[in-house]
Amino acid sequence: MCLSIPSKIVEIDEDNMATVDTMGIKRQVSLDLMPDVVDIGDYILIHVGFAMNKIDEAEALQSLEVYKEMLEAMEEEERRQVIEEDDNCDARGEG
């Protein structure tokens, strides 16, 4: 399954390329397949390097919060696994 994280357009150049910010990571995407007109500050969804559609800012921010919660939960799960594995180690450090 492919998840598309809302990305904010921070720059648009004359070659129809945009610089977007995806949860703090900046990257270049093509606007060639965009059915809608977009501007700096708009949120878009991307697939394989192409902006595919514009997303409402409120919806984008809500989605980003869910992604942040998922990432935090994943990190917490990793911490829990380390603790559980540590509890199962014998005195020689072997599980």
PDB file of N, CA and C in Angstrom:
ATOM      1  N   MET A   1       0.841  -1.173   0.000  1.00  0.00           N
ATOM      2  CA  MET A   1       0.000   0.000   0.000  1.00  0.00           C
ATOM      3  C   MET A   1       0.882   1.231   0.000  1.00  0.00           C
ATOM      4  N   CYS A   2       0.501   2.214  -0.751  1.00  0.00           N
ATOM      5  CA  CYS A   2       1.255   3.455  -0.843  1.00  0.00           C
ATOM      6  C   CYS A   2       0.490   4.554  -0.124  1.00  0.00           C
ATOM      7  N   LEU A   3       1.151   5.231   0.794  1.00  0.00           N
ATOM      8  CA  LEU A   3       0.539   6.344   1.507  1.00  0.00           C
ATOM      9  C   LEU A   3       1.093   7.644   0.959  1.00  0.00           C
ATOM     10  N   SER A   4       0.240   8.618   0.774  1.00  0.00           N
ATOM     11  CA  SER A   4       0.669   9.914   0.294  1.00  0.00           C
ATOM     12  C   SER A   4       0.517  10.921   1.421  1.00  0.00           C
ATOM     13  N   ILE A   5       1.627  11.445   1.875  1.00  0.00           N
ATOM     14  CA  ILE A   5       1.634  12.419   2.957  1.00  0.00           C
ATOM     15  C   ILE A   5       1.441  13.803   2.358  1.00  0.00           C
ATOM     16  N   PRO A   6       0.519  14.601   2.895  1.00  0.00           N
ATOM     17  CA  PRO A   6       0.347  15.949   2.373  1.00  0.00           C
ATOM     18  C   PRO A   6       1.654  16.734   2.437  1.00  0.00           C
ATOM     19  N   SER A   7       1.947  17.431   1.347  1.00  0.00           N
ATOM     20  CA  SER A   7       3.180  18.209   1.241  1.00  0.00           C
ATOM     21  C   SER A   7       2.829  19.647   0.895  1.00  0.00           C
ATOM     22  N   LYS A   8       3.531  20.590   1.515  1.00  0.00           N
ATOM     23  CA  LYS A   8       3.264  22.014   1.304  1.00  0.00           C
ATOM     24  C   LYS A   8       4.216  22.568   0.249  1.00  0.00           C
ATOM     25  N   ILE A   9       3.675  23.269  -0.727  1.00  0.00           N
ATOM     26  CA  ILE A   9       4.497  23.882  -1.772  1.00  0.00           C
ATOM     27  C   ILE A   9       5.187  25.112  -1.179  1.00  0.00           C
ATOM     28  N   VAL A  10       6.522  25.140  -1.284  1.00  0.00           N
ATOM     29  CA  VAL A  10       7.280  26.282  -0.764  1.00  0.00           C
ATOM     30  C   VAL A  10       7.922  27.109  -1.878  1.00  0.00           C
ATOM     31  N   GLU A  11       7.985  26.539  -3.087  1.00  0.00           N
ATOM     32  CA  GLU A  11       8.570  27.268  -4.213  1.00  0.00           C
ATOM     33  C   GLU A  11       8.095  26.628  -5.516  1.00  0.00           C
ATOM     34  N   ILE A  12       7.883  27.460  -6.522  1.00  0.00           N
ATOM     35  CA  ILE A  12       7.537  26.972  -7.858  1.00  0.00           C
ATOM     36  C   ILE A  12       8.469  27.647  -8.849  1.00  0.00           C
ATOM     37  N   ASP A  13       9.102  26.860  -9.726  1.00  0.00           N
ATOM     38  CA  ASP A  13       9.995  27.463 -10.716  1.00  0.00           C
ATOM     39  C   ASP A  13       9.370  27.449 -12.106  1.00  0.00           C
ATOM     40  N   GLU A  14      10.058  28.068 -13.049  1.00  0.00           N
ATOM     41  CA  GLU A  14       9.512  28.219 -14.405  1.00  0.00           C
ATOM     42  C   GLU A  14       9.462  26.913 -15.197  1.00  0.00           C
ATOM     43  N   ASP A  15      10.113  25.870 -14.719  1.00  0.00           N
ATOM     44  CA  ASP A  15      10.085  24.564 -15.392  1.00  0.00           C
ATOM     45  C   ASP A  15       8.930  23.686 -14.923  1.00  0.00           C
ATOM     46  N   ASN A  16       7.963  24.301 -14.229  1.00  0.00           N
ATOM     47  CA  ASN A  16       6.806  23.588 -13.700  1.00  0.00           C
ATOM     48  C   ASN A  16       7.201  22.547 -12.656  1.00  0.00           C
ATOM     49  N   MET A  17       8.258  22.858 -11.916  1.00  0.00           N
ATOM     50  CA  MET A  17       8.705  22.034 -10.794  1.00  0.00           C
ATOM     51  C   MET A  17       8.425  22.810  -9.511  1.00  0.00           C
ATOM     52  N   ALA A  18       8.108  22.065  -8.468  1.00  0.00           N
ATOM     53  CA  ALA A  18       7.855  22.690  -7.175  1.00  0.00           C
ATOM     54  C   ALA A  18       8.778  22.087  -6.130  1.00  0.00           C
ATOM     55  N   THR A  19       9.205  22.924  -5.199  1.00  0.00           N
ATOM     56  CA  THR A  19       9.875  22.446  -4.000  1.00  0.00           C
ATOM     57  C   THR A  19       8.783  22.329  -2.951  1.00  0.00           C
ATOM     58  N   VAL A  20       8.686  21.156  -2.349  1.00  0.00           N
ATOM     59  CA  VAL A  20       7.665  20.920  -1.331  1.00  0.00           C
ATOM     60  C   VAL A  20       8.322  20.530  -0.013  1.00  0.00           C
ATOM     61  N   ASP A  21       7.600  20.781   1.059  1.00  0.00           N
ATOM     62  CA  ASP A  21       8.026  20.392   2.401  1.00  0.00           C
ATOM     63  C   ASP A  21       7.089  19.278   2.855  1.00  0.00           C
ATOM     64  N   THR A  22       7.669  18.094   3.067  1.00  0.00           N
ATOM     65  CA  THR A  22       6.913  16.937   3.541  1.00  0.00           C
ATOM     66  C   THR A  22       7.411  16.588   4.929  1.00  0.00           C
ATOM     67  N   MET A  23       6.724  17.063   5.945  1.00  0.00           N
ATOM     68  CA  MET A  23       7.084  16.814   7.342  1.00  0.00           C
ATOM     69  C   MET A  23       8.543  17.164   7.608  1.00  0.00           C
ATOM     70  N   GLY A  24       8.976  18.313   7.088  1.00  0.00           N
ATOM     71  CA  GLY A  24      10.323  18.800   7.338  1.00  0.00           C
ATOM     72  C   GLY A  24      11.350  18.403   6.300  1.00  0.00           C
ATOM     73  N   ILE A  25      10.987  17.552   5.370  1.00  0.00           N
ATOM     74  CA  ILE A  25      11.916  17.129   4.317  1.00  0.00           C
ATOM     75  C   ILE A  25      11.520  17.834   3.030  1.00  0.00           C
ATOM     76  N   LYS A  26      12.483  18.545   2.434  1.00  0.00           N
ATOM     77  CA  LYS A  26      12.211  19.262   1.192  1.00  0.00           C
ATOM     78  C   LYS A  26      12.666  18.431   0.007  1.00  0.00           C
ATOM     79  N   ARG A  27      11.829  18.453  -1.043  1.00  0.00           N
ATOM     80  CA  ARG A  27      12.160  17.718  -2.260  1.00  0.00           C
ATOM     81  C   ARG A  27      11.488  18.376  -3.454  1.00  0.00           C
ATOM     82  N   GLN A  28      11.928  17.996  -4.638  1.00  0.00           N
ATOM     83  CA  GLN A  28      11.407  18.529  -5.892  1.00  0.00           C
ATOM     84  C   GLN A  28      10.345  17.582  -6.445  1.00  0.00           C
ATOM     85  N   VAL A  29       9.256  18.145  -6.945  1.00  0.00           N
ATOM     86  CA  VAL A  29       8.219  17.354  -7.606  1.00  0.00           C
ATOM     87  C   VAL A  29       7.760  18.080  -8.864  1.00  0.00           C
ATOM     88  N   SER A  30       7.300  17.313  -9.821  1.00  0.00           N
ATOM     89  CA  SER A  30       6.786  17.875 -11.059  1.00  0.00           C
ATOM     90  C   SER A  30       5.317  18.246 -10.886  1.00  0.00           C
ATOM     91  N   LEU A  31       4.945  19.378 -11.477  1.00  0.00           N
ATOM     92  CA  LEU A  31       3.549  19.800 -11.481  1.00  0.00           C
ATOM     93  C   LEU A  31       2.863  19.468 -12.810  1.00  0.00           C
ATOM     94  N   ASP A  32       3.553  18.752 -13.680  1.00  0.00           N
ATOM     95  CA  ASP A  32       3.044  18.478 -15.023  1.00  0.00           C
ATOM     96  C   ASP A  32       1.708  17.729 -15.044  1.00  0.00           C
ATOM     97  N   LEU A  33       1.420  16.915 -14.059  1.00  0.00           N
ATOM     98  CA  LEU A  33       0.176  16.137 -14.056  1.00  0.00           C
ATOM     99  C   LEU A  33      -0.921  16.745 -13.179  1.00  0.00           C
ATOM    100  N   MET A  34      -0.655  17.928 -12.614  1.00  0.00           N
ATOM    101  CA  MET A  34      -1.637  18.564 -11.730  1.00  0.00           C
ATOM    102  C   MET A  34      -2.851  19.043 -12.510  1.00  0.00           C
ATOM    103  N   PRO A  35      -4.045  18.570 -12.132  1.00  0.00           N
ATOM    104  CA  PRO A  35      -5.258  19.044 -12.805  1.00  0.00           C
ATOM    105  C   PRO A  35      -5.687  20.437 -12.319  1.00  0.00           C
ATOM    106  N   ASP A  36      -5.210  20.845 -11.144  1.00  0.00           N
ATOM    107  CA  ASP A  36      -5.592  22.126 -10.553  1.00  0.00           C
ATOM    108  C   ASP A  36      -4.424  23.105 -10.587  1.00  0.00           C
ATOM    109  N   VAL A  37      -4.740  24.384 -10.585  1.00  0.00           N
ATOM    110  CA  VAL A  37      -3.716  25.424 -10.447  1.00  0.00           C
ATOM    111  C   VAL A  37      -3.304  25.455  -8.976  1.00  0.00           C
ATOM    112  N   VAL A  38      -2.001  25.511  -8.728  1.00  0.00           N
ATOM    113  CA  VAL A  38      -1.505  25.546  -7.353  1.00  0.00           C
ATOM    114  C   VAL A  38      -0.604  26.750  -7.159  1.00  0.00           C
ATOM    115  N   ASP A  39      -0.493  27.178  -5.912  1.00  0.00           N
ATOM    116  CA  ASP A  39       0.343  28.315  -5.538  1.00  0.00           C
ATOM    117  C   ASP A  39       1.201  27.935  -4.342  1.00  0.00           C
ATOM    118  N   ILE A  40       2.172  28.760  -4.066  1.00  0.00           N
ATOM    119  CA  ILE A  40       2.990  28.578  -2.867  1.00  0.00           C
ATOM    120  C   ILE A  40       2.063  28.604  -1.652  1.00  0.00           C
ATOM    121  N   GLY A  41       2.268  27.649  -0.750  1.00  0.00           N
ATOM    122  CA  GLY A  41       1.441  27.538   0.440  1.00  0.00           C
ATOM    123  C   GLY A  41       0.353  26.484   0.327  1.00  0.00           C
ATOM    124  N   ASP A  42       0.049  26.049  -0.902  1.00  0.00           N
ATOM    125  CA  ASP A  42      -0.949  25.000  -1.096  1.00  0.00           C
ATOM    126  C   ASP A  42      -0.388  23.644  -0.673  1.00  0.00           C
ATOM    127  N   TYR A  43      -1.282  22.757  -0.262  1.00  0.00           N
ATOM    128  CA  TYR A  43      -0.919  21.384   0.072  1.00  0.00           C
ATOM    129  C   TYR A  43      -1.317  20.473  -1.084  1.00  0.00           C
ATOM    130  N   ILE A  44      -0.428  19.539  -1.386  1.00  0.00           N
ATOM    131  CA  ILE A  44      -0.671  18.606  -2.484  1.00  0.00           C
ATOM    132  C   ILE A  44      -0.353  17.189  -2.034  1.00  0.00           C
ATOM    133  N   LEU A  45      -0.859  16.226  -2.804  1.00  0.00           N
ATOM    134  CA  LEU A  45      -0.502  14.824  -2.629  1.00  0.00           C
ATOM    135  C   LEU A  45       0.372  14.427  -3.801  1.00  0.00           C
ATOM    136  N   ILE A  46       1.400  13.624  -3.533  1.00  0.00           N
ATOM    137  CA  ILE A  46       2.415  13.278  -4.524  1.00  0.00           C
ATOM    138  C   ILE A  46       2.435  11.774  -4.735  1.00  0.00           C
ATOM    139  N   HIS A  47       2.695  11.392  -5.982  1.00  0.00           N
ATOM    140  CA  HIS A  47       2.901   9.982  -6.306  1.00  0.00           C
ATOM    141  C   HIS A  47       4.061   9.896  -7.288  1.00  0.00           C
ATOM    142  N   VAL A  48       5.056   9.117  -6.952  1.00  0.00           N
ATOM    143  CA  VAL A  48       6.273   8.887  -7.747  1.00  0.00           C
ATOM    144  C   VAL A  48       6.844  10.170  -8.358  1.00  0.00           C
ATOM    145  N   GLY A  49       6.949  11.209  -7.543  1.00  0.00           N
ATOM    146  CA  GLY A  49       7.595  12.445  -7.985  1.00  0.00           C
ATOM    147  C   GLY A  49       6.698  13.435  -8.705  1.00  0.00           C
ATOM    148  N   PHE A  50       5.421  13.132  -8.827  1.00  0.00           N
ATOM    149  CA  PHE A  50       4.471  14.024  -9.489  1.00  0.00           C
ATOM    150  C   PHE A  50       3.388  14.458  -8.512  1.00  0.00           C
ATOM    151  N   ALA A  51       3.096  15.752  -8.511  1.00  0.00           N
ATOM    152  CA  ALA A  51       1.957  16.248  -7.749  1.00  0.00           C
ATOM    153  C   ALA A  51       0.702  15.750  -8.447  1.00  0.00           C
ATOM    154  N   MET A  52      -0.196  15.134  -7.700  1.00  0.00           N
ATOM    155  CA  MET A  52      -1.386  14.525  -8.310  1.00  0.00           C
ATOM    156  C   MET A  52      -2.666  15.307  -8.036  1.00  0.00           C
ATOM    157  N   ASN A  53      -2.790  15.867  -6.845  1.00  0.00           N
ATOM    158  CA  ASN A  53      -3.968  16.677  -6.568  1.00  0.00           C
ATOM    159  C   ASN A  53      -3.735  17.594  -5.378  1.00  0.00           C
ATOM    160  N   LYS A  54      -4.526  18.643  -5.359  1.00  0.00           N
ATOM    161  CA  LYS A  54      -4.478  19.637  -4.300  1.00  0.00           C
ATOM    162  C   LYS A  54      -5.369  19.159  -3.164  1.00  0.00           C
ATOM    163  N   ILE A  55      -4.962  19.451  -1.928  1.00  0.00           N
ATOM    164  CA  ILE A  55      -5.734  19.031  -0.767  1.00  0.00           C
ATOM    165  C   ILE A  55      -6.006  20.262   0.094  1.00  0.00           C
ATOM    166  N   ASP A  56      -7.186  20.320   0.659  1.00  0.00           N
ATOM    167  CA  ASP A  56      -7.582  21.408   1.545  1.00  0.00           C
ATOM    168  C   ASP A  56      -6.617  21.504   2.730  1.00  0.00           C
ATOM    169  N   GLU A  57      -6.240  22.734   3.111  1.00  0.00           N
ATOM    170  CA  GLU A  57      -5.258  22.916   4.177  1.00  0.00           C
ATOM    171  C   GLU A  57      -5.708  22.286   5.496  1.00  0.00           C
ATOM    172  N   ALA A  58      -6.959  22.459   5.871  1.00  0.00           N
ATOM    173  CA  ALA A  58      -7.443  21.875   7.133  1.00  0.00           C
ATOM    174  C   ALA A  58      -7.345  20.352   7.104  1.00  0.00           C
ATOM    175  N   GLU A  59      -7.711  19.758   5.983  1.00  0.00           N
ATOM    176  CA  GLU A  59      -7.614  18.308   5.833  1.00  0.00           C
ATOM    177  C   GLU A  59      -6.154  17.858   5.857  1.00  0.00           C
ATOM    178  N   ALA A  60      -5.284  18.639   5.199  1.00  0.00           N
ATOM    179  CA  ALA A  60      -3.855  18.313   5.178  1.00  0.00           C
ATOM    180  C   ALA A  60      -3.268  18.346   6.582  1.00  0.00           C
ATOM    181  N   LEU A  61      -3.580  19.383   7.343  1.00  0.00           N
ATOM    182  CA  LEU A  61      -3.038  19.501   8.702  1.00  0.00           C
ATOM    183  C   LEU A  61      -3.557  18.394   9.607  1.00  0.00           C
ATOM    184  N   GLN A  62      -4.827  18.015   9.421  1.00  0.00           N
ATOM    185  CA  GLN A  62      -5.385  16.911  10.204  1.00  0.00           C
ATOM    186  C   GLN A  62      -4.669  15.603   9.855  1.00  0.00           C
ATOM    187  N   SER A  63      -4.437  15.361   8.571  1.00  0.00           N
ATOM    188  CA  SER A  63      -3.718  14.158   8.146  1.00  0.00           C
ATOM    189  C   SER A  63      -2.301  14.142   8.702  1.00  0.00           C
ATOM    190  N   LEU A  64      -1.628  15.291   8.678  1.00  0.00           N
ATOM    191  CA  LEU A  64      -0.259  15.367   9.192  1.00  0.00           C
ATOM    192  C   LEU A  64      -0.212  15.039  10.682  1.00  0.00           C
ATOM    193  N   GLU A  65      -1.224  15.455  11.430  1.00  0.00           N
ATOM    194  CA  GLU A  65      -1.274  15.119  12.857  1.00  0.00           C
ATOM    195  C   GLU A  65      -1.393  13.613  13.053  1.00  0.00           C
ATOM    196  N   VAL A  66      -2.203  12.962  12.232  1.00  0.00           N
ATOM    197  CA  VAL A  66      -2.359  11.505  12.321  1.00  0.00           C
ATOM    198  C   VAL A  66      -1.032  10.820  12.002  1.00  0.00           C
ATOM    199  N   TYR A  67      -0.330  11.293  10.962  1.00  0.00           N
ATOM    200  CA  TYR A  67       0.974  10.722  10.619  1.00  0.00           C
ATOM    201  C   TYR A  67       1.958  10.895  11.774  1.00  0.00           C
ATOM    202  N   LYS A  68       1.957  12.070  12.407  1.00  0.00           N
ATOM    203  CA  LYS A  68       2.860  12.307  13.545  1.00  0.00           C
ATOM    204  C   LYS A  68       2.555  11.342  14.684  1.00  0.00           C
ATOM    205  N   GLU A  69       1.266  11.135  14.955  1.00  0.00           N
ATOM    206  CA  GLU A  69       0.879  10.186  16.006  1.00  0.00           C
ATOM    207  C   GLU A  69       1.336   8.769  15.662  1.00  0.00           C
ATOM    208  N   MET A  70       1.203   8.397  14.397  1.00  0.00           N
ATOM    209  CA  MET A  70       1.651   7.072  13.968  1.00  0.00           C
ATOM    210  C   MET A  70       3.151   6.919  14.160  1.00  0.00           C
ATOM    211  N   LEU A  71       3.914   7.943  13.791  1.00  0.00           N
ATOM    212  CA  LEU A  71       5.365   7.880  13.960  1.00  0.00           C
ATOM    213  C   LEU A  71       5.748   7.780  15.425  1.00  0.00           C
ATOM    214  N   GLU A  72       5.070   8.571  16.265  1.00  0.00           N
ATOM    215  CA  GLU A  72       5.351   8.501  17.700  1.00  0.00           C
ATOM    216  C   GLU A  72       5.029   7.114  18.249  1.00  0.00           C
ATOM    217  N   ALA A  73       3.925   6.537  17.809  1.00  0.00           N
ATOM    218  CA  ALA A  73       3.544   5.196  18.271  1.00  0.00           C
ATOM    219  C   ALA A  73       4.560   4.162  17.808  1.00  0.00           C
ATOM    220  N   MET A  74       5.055   4.301  16.578  1.00  0.00           N
ATOM    221  CA  MET A  74       6.046   3.357  16.074  1.00  0.00           C
ATOM    222  C   MET A  74       7.320   3.447  16.897  1.00  0.00           C
ATOM    223  N   GLU A  75       7.749   4.625  17.228  1.00  0.00           N
ATOM    224  CA  GLU A  75       8.954   4.773  18.044  1.00  0.00           C
ATOM    225  C   GLU A  75       8.735   4.175  19.430  1.00  0.00           C
ATOM    226  N   GLU A  76       7.559   4.399  19.991  1.00  0.00           N
ATOM    227  CA  GLU A  76       7.244   3.834  21.295  1.00  0.00           C
ATOM    228  C   GLU A  76       7.246   2.308  21.226  1.00  0.00           C
ATOM    229  N   GLU A  77       6.697   1.757  20.143  1.00  0.00           N
ATOM    230  CA  GLU A  77       6.681   0.298  19.956  1.00  0.00           C
ATOM    231  C   GLU A  77       8.106  -0.246  19.891  1.00  0.00           C
ATOM    232  N   GLU A  78       8.973   0.452  19.190  1.00  0.00           N
ATOM    233  CA  GLU A  78      10.379   0.018  19.111  1.00  0.00           C
ATOM    234  C   GLU A  78      11.024   0.034  20.496  1.00  0.00           C
ATOM    235  N   ARG A  79      10.747   1.069  21.278  1.00  0.00           N
ATOM    236  CA  ARG A  79      11.295   1.129  22.644  1.00  0.00           C
ATOM    237  C   ARG A  79      10.779  -0.041  23.476  1.00  0.00           C
ATOM    238  N   ARG A  80       9.496  -0.344  23.342  1.00  0.00           N
ATOM    239  CA  ARG A  80       8.917  -1.449  24.100  1.00  0.00           C
ATOM    240  C   ARG A  80       9.554  -2.779  23.716  1.00  0.00           C
ATOM    241  N   GLN A  81       9.811  -2.983  22.419  1.00  0.00           N
ATOM    242  CA  GLN A  81      10.436  -4.226  21.967  1.00  0.00           C
ATOM    243  C   GLN A  81      11.830  -4.384  22.564  1.00  0.00           C
ATOM    244  N   VAL A  82      12.582  -3.302  22.615  1.00  0.00           N
ATOM    245  CA  VAL A  82      13.931  -3.355  23.199  1.00  0.00           C
ATOM    246  C   VAL A  82      13.843  -3.739  24.669  1.00  0.00           C
ATOM    247  N   ILE A  83      12.893  -3.149  25.385  1.00  0.00           N
ATOM    248  CA  ILE A  83      12.729  -3.458  26.813  1.00  0.00           C
ATOM    249  C   ILE A  83      12.322  -4.918  26.993  1.00  0.00           C
ATOM    250  N   GLU A  84      11.375  -5.402  26.180  1.00  0.00           N
ATOM    251  CA  GLU A  84      10.933  -6.792  26.291  1.00  0.00           C
ATOM    252  C   GLU A  84      12.064  -7.758  25.968  1.00  0.00           C
ATOM    253  N   GLU A  85      12.856  -7.461  24.951  1.00  0.00           N
ATOM    254  CA  GLU A  85      13.991  -8.322  24.608  1.00  0.00           C
ATOM    255  C   GLU A  85      15.022  -8.307  25.718  1.00  0.00           C
ATOM    256  N   ASP A  86      15.241  -7.151  26.342  1.00  0.00           N
ATOM    257  CA  ASP A  86      16.194  -7.046  27.443  1.00  0.00           C
ATOM    258  C   ASP A  86      15.718  -7.892  28.624  1.00  0.00           C
ATOM    259  N   ASP A  87      14.417  -7.919  28.880  1.00  0.00           N
ATOM    260  CA  ASP A  87      13.873  -8.712  29.985  1.00  0.00           C
ATOM    261  C   ASP A  87      14.049 -10.208  29.741  1.00  0.00           C
ATOM    262  N   ASN A  88      14.166 -10.645  28.498  1.00  0.00           N
ATOM    263  CA  ASN A  88      14.282 -12.065  28.169  1.00  0.00           C
ATOM    264  C   ASN A  88      15.719 -12.534  28.022  1.00  0.00           C
ATOM    265  N   CYS A  89      16.689 -11.657  28.237  1.00  0.00           N
ATOM    266  CA  CYS A  89      18.099 -12.051  28.102  1.00  0.00           C
ATOM    267  C   CYS A  89      18.559 -12.790  29.344  1.00  0.00           C
ATOM    268  N   ASP A  90      19.421 -13.813  29.142  1.00  0.00           N
ATOM    269  CA  ASP A  90      19.991 -14.485  30.295  1.00  0.00           C
ATOM    270  C   ASP A  90      21.242 -13.751  30.745  1.00  0.00           C
ATOM    271  N   ALA A  91      21.910 -14.200  31.743  1.00  0.00           N
ATOM    272  CA  ALA A  91      23.057 -13.521  32.342  1.00  0.00           C
ATOM    273  C   ALA A  91      24.217 -13.342  31.368  1.00  0.00           C
ATOM    274  N   ARG A  92      24.335 -14.198  30.347  1.00  0.00           N
ATOM    275  CA  ARG A  92      25.429 -14.085  29.378  1.00  0.00           C
ATOM    276  C   ARG A  92      25.069 -13.113  28.257  1.00  0.00           C
ATOM    277  N   GLY A  93      23.857 -12.549  28.290  1.00  0.00           N
ATOM    278  CA  GLY A  93      23.441 -11.627  27.236  1.00  0.00           C
ATOM    279  C   GLY A  93      22.850 -12.338  26.045  1.00  0.00           C
ATOM    280  N   GLU A  94      22.573 -13.620  26.184  1.00  0.00           N
ATOM    281  CA  GLU A  94      21.993 -14.380  25.086  1.00  0.00           C
ATOM    282  C   GLU A  94      20.508 -14.573  25.356  1.00  0.00           C
ATOM    283  N   GLY A  95      19.707 -14.512  24.321  1.00  0.00           N
ATOM    284  CA  GLY A  95      18.266 -14.616  24.475  1.00  0.00           C
ATOM    285  C   GLY A  95      17.753 -16.002  24.456  1.00  0.00           C
TER     286      GLY A  95
END
